[in-house]
Protein backbone atom coordinates (compact mmCIF):
# COMPACT_ATOMS: atom_id res chain seq x y z
CA VAL A 1 -1.26 -47.02 38.05
CA ILE A 2 0.30 -44.03 36.33
CA ASP A 3 -1.86 -41.05 35.53
CA ILE A 4 -0.83 -39.03 32.49
CA THR A 5 -2.35 -35.64 31.90
CA LEU A 6 -2.11 -34.10 28.47
CA ALA A 7 -2.54 -30.37 28.11
CA PRO A 8 -3.58 -29.17 24.67
CA VAL A 9 -1.41 -26.51 23.07
CA ASN A 10 -2.73 -23.95 20.63
CA ASP A 11 -0.44 -23.97 17.60
CA ALA A 12 0.07 -20.76 15.67
CA PRO A 13 -1.48 -20.40 12.23
CA ILE A 14 0.93 -20.25 9.30
CA VAL A 15 1.08 -18.01 6.22
CA SER A 16 3.37 -19.26 3.45
CA GLY A 17 3.86 -19.28 -0.30
CA ILE A 18 4.32 -15.51 -0.62
CA VAL A 19 6.66 -14.24 -3.35
CA PRO A 20 9.27 -12.28 -1.34
CA ALA A 21 10.01 -9.54 -3.91
CA GLN A 22 7.91 -7.82 -6.57
CA THR A 23 8.19 -4.74 -8.77
CA THR A 24 5.48 -2.31 -9.87
CA PRO A 25 5.39 1.05 -11.60
CA ILE A 26 3.91 4.07 -9.85
CA LEU A 27 0.38 4.93 -11.01
CA SER A 28 -0.18 1.42 -12.37
CA SER A 29 -3.18 -0.76 -11.72
CA PRO A 30 -3.20 -2.30 -8.25
CA ILE A 31 -1.02 -5.40 -7.91
CA ALA A 32 -1.77 -8.44 -5.77
CA ILE A 33 0.77 -8.70 -2.97
CA ALA A 34 0.09 -12.26 -1.82
CA ALA A 35 -1.66 -13.93 -4.77
CA THR A 36 0.06 -17.25 -4.02
CA ALA A 37 -0.37 -17.19 -0.23
CA THR A 38 -1.50 -20.27 1.63
CA VAL A 39 -2.90 -20.13 5.16
CA ALA A 40 -3.09 -23.08 7.53
CA ASP A 41 -3.87 -23.72 11.17
CA ILE A 42 -3.41 -27.29 12.30
CA ASP A 43 -5.75 -27.02 15.28
CA ASN A 44 -8.33 -24.41 14.26
CA GLY A 45 -10.73 -24.33 11.35
CA THR A 46 -11.40 -20.63 11.81
CA LEU A 47 -9.27 -17.54 12.19
CA ALA A 48 -10.05 -14.23 13.92
CA ALA A 49 -7.83 -11.62 12.25
CA ALA A 50 -5.11 -10.72 9.79
CA THR A 51 -2.90 -7.66 9.63
CA VAL A 52 -1.15 -6.32 6.54
CA THR A 53 1.22 -3.41 7.17
CA LEU A 54 3.05 -1.25 4.65
CA SER A 55 6.43 0.12 5.83
CA ASN A 56 8.39 2.91 4.11
CA ALA A 57 5.01 4.04 2.77
CA ARG A 58 4.48 7.33 0.96
CA ASP A 59 1.38 9.52 0.91
CA GLY A 60 -0.77 8.06 -1.87
CA ASP A 61 0.18 4.43 -1.16
CA ARG A 62 -2.78 2.19 -0.40
CA LEU A 63 -3.67 -1.40 0.48
CA ASP A 64 -7.06 -2.86 -0.46
CA PHE A 65 -8.72 -6.29 -0.43
CA SER A 66 -11.80 -8.06 -1.77
CA SER A 67 -14.33 -8.78 0.96
CA GLN A 68 -14.89 -12.36 2.03
CA PRO A 69 -17.70 -13.93 4.10
CA GLY A 70 -17.38 -13.02 7.79
CA ILE A 71 -14.37 -10.74 7.29
CA VAL A 72 -14.44 -6.97 7.70
CA GLY A 73 -11.48 -4.90 6.56
CA THR A 74 -10.37 -1.42 7.57
CA TYR A 75 -7.44 0.55 6.17
CA ASP A 76 -5.69 3.15 8.32
CA ALA A 77 -3.94 5.59 5.96
CA ASN A 78 -1.94 7.08 8.86
CA THR A 79 -0.31 3.80 9.84
CA HIS A 80 -0.68 2.18 6.39
CA THR A 81 -2.24 -0.87 8.03
CA LEU A 82 -5.02 -3.04 6.62
CA THR A 83 -6.74 -4.92 9.45
CA LEU A 84 -9.04 -7.84 8.67
CA THR A 85 -11.28 -9.08 11.48
CA GLY A 86 -14.10 -11.53 12.00
CA SER A 87 -14.51 -15.21 12.68
CA ALA A 88 -14.13 -16.89 9.29
CA SER A 89 -12.74 -20.07 7.84
CA VAL A 90 -9.06 -20.49 7.11
CA ALA A 91 -10.01 -20.72 3.42
CA ASP A 92 -11.82 -17.36 3.58
CA TYR A 93 -8.80 -15.69 5.21
CA GLU A 94 -6.57 -17.24 2.57
CA ALA A 95 -8.83 -15.80 -0.16
CA ALA A 96 -8.82 -12.39 1.57
CA LEU A 97 -5.01 -12.34 1.79
CA ARG A 98 -4.67 -13.45 -1.83
CA SER A 99 -6.82 -10.48 -2.84
CA VAL A 100 -4.79 -7.84 -0.94
CA SER A 101 -3.48 -5.30 -3.42
CA PHE A 102 -1.06 -2.37 -3.39
CA SER A 103 -1.48 0.80 -5.42
CA SER A 104 0.26 4.16 -5.35
CA THR A 105 -0.42 7.64 -6.60
CA SER A 106 2.53 9.07 -4.65
CA GLY A 107 4.88 9.71 -7.57
CA ASP A 108 7.70 8.69 -5.23
CA PRO A 109 9.59 5.52 -6.21
CA GLY A 110 11.45 3.32 -3.75
CA THR A 111 11.16 0.12 -1.77
CA ARG A 112 8.14 -0.59 0.39
CA THR A 113 7.94 -3.54 2.77
CA VAL A 114 4.67 -5.34 3.39
CA THR A 115 4.32 -7.58 6.45
CA ILE A 116 1.49 -10.09 6.89
CA THR A 117 0.28 -11.97 9.96
CA VAL A 118 -2.86 -13.95 10.78
CA SER A 119 -4.30 -14.85 14.15
CA ASP A 120 -6.60 -17.55 15.48
CA GLY A 121 -7.58 -15.18 18.29
CA LEU A 122 -4.99 -16.53 20.71
CA VAL A 123 -1.75 -16.86 18.77
CA ASP A 124 -0.36 -14.86 15.83
CA SER A 125 1.44 -16.45 12.92
CA PRO A 126 5.10 -15.72 12.23
CA VAL A 127 5.47 -12.56 10.12
CA GLN A 128 5.76 -12.96 6.35
CA SER A 129 7.31 -10.12 4.32
CA VAL A 130 7.16 -8.87 0.75
CA GLU A 131 9.53 -6.26 -0.68
CA LEU A 132 7.89 -4.03 -3.30
CA ASP A 133 10.20 -2.15 -5.66
CA VAL A 134 8.06 0.75 -6.83
CA TYR A 135 9.59 2.51 -9.82
CA ALA A 136 8.79 5.57 -11.90
CA VAL A 137 7.76 5.08 -15.51
CA PRO A 138 9.71 7.40 -17.82
CA LEU A 139 7.59 9.78 -19.86
CA ASP A 140 7.72 9.29 -23.61
CA LEU A 141 8.09 12.89 -24.73
CA ASP A 142 8.23 11.95 -28.41
CA ARG A 143 4.61 10.75 -28.55
CA GLY A 144 1.54 12.92 -28.62
CA VAL A 145 3.31 16.21 -28.00
CA THR A 146 2.40 19.37 -29.90
CA VAL A 147 5.13 22.00 -30.11
CA ILE A 148 3.99 25.63 -30.23
CA GLY A 149 6.35 28.14 -31.91
CA ALA A 150 7.38 31.47 -30.40
CA ALA A 151 4.69 33.38 -32.30
CA GLY A 152 2.01 30.95 -31.08
CA ALA A 153 1.78 29.19 -34.45
CA ASN A 154 1.69 25.42 -34.51
CA ALA A 155 5.30 24.53 -35.32
CA GLY A 156 4.64 20.82 -35.68
CA SER A 157 3.08 17.77 -34.18
CA ASN A 158 4.40 14.26 -33.71
């Protein structure tokens, strides 16, 4: 008689389907970072946490999300980290990640990197990254500008 003992292994959850590069103007409406994300965990129906971190962030950059059942989110403006916690279904974490948005009032263009992980409470997923190219919108000085002459008289309006 041969005895075989099988030890279960906890597989890591997976985040996939994220568009790796996006562009957005400064001072625009918030943009969804992971609108096409899919989340899976082959051996767990629930997850415990997700972390979304913004690197190369500027003052005025922000991450937000739409609340989902069982998930609480906190944003730390010092570390530019959005932490989602709570025991919730994989589908609820997927919906939460799909709703994560970036906005900026910094006035400082440049590339920001967003990293995303999820956890089943024991094992974290591999990191997924998104590069955000944040650009300045040129001012249109020919529209809606009133020019005042040297004597204070209205010299013209476009």
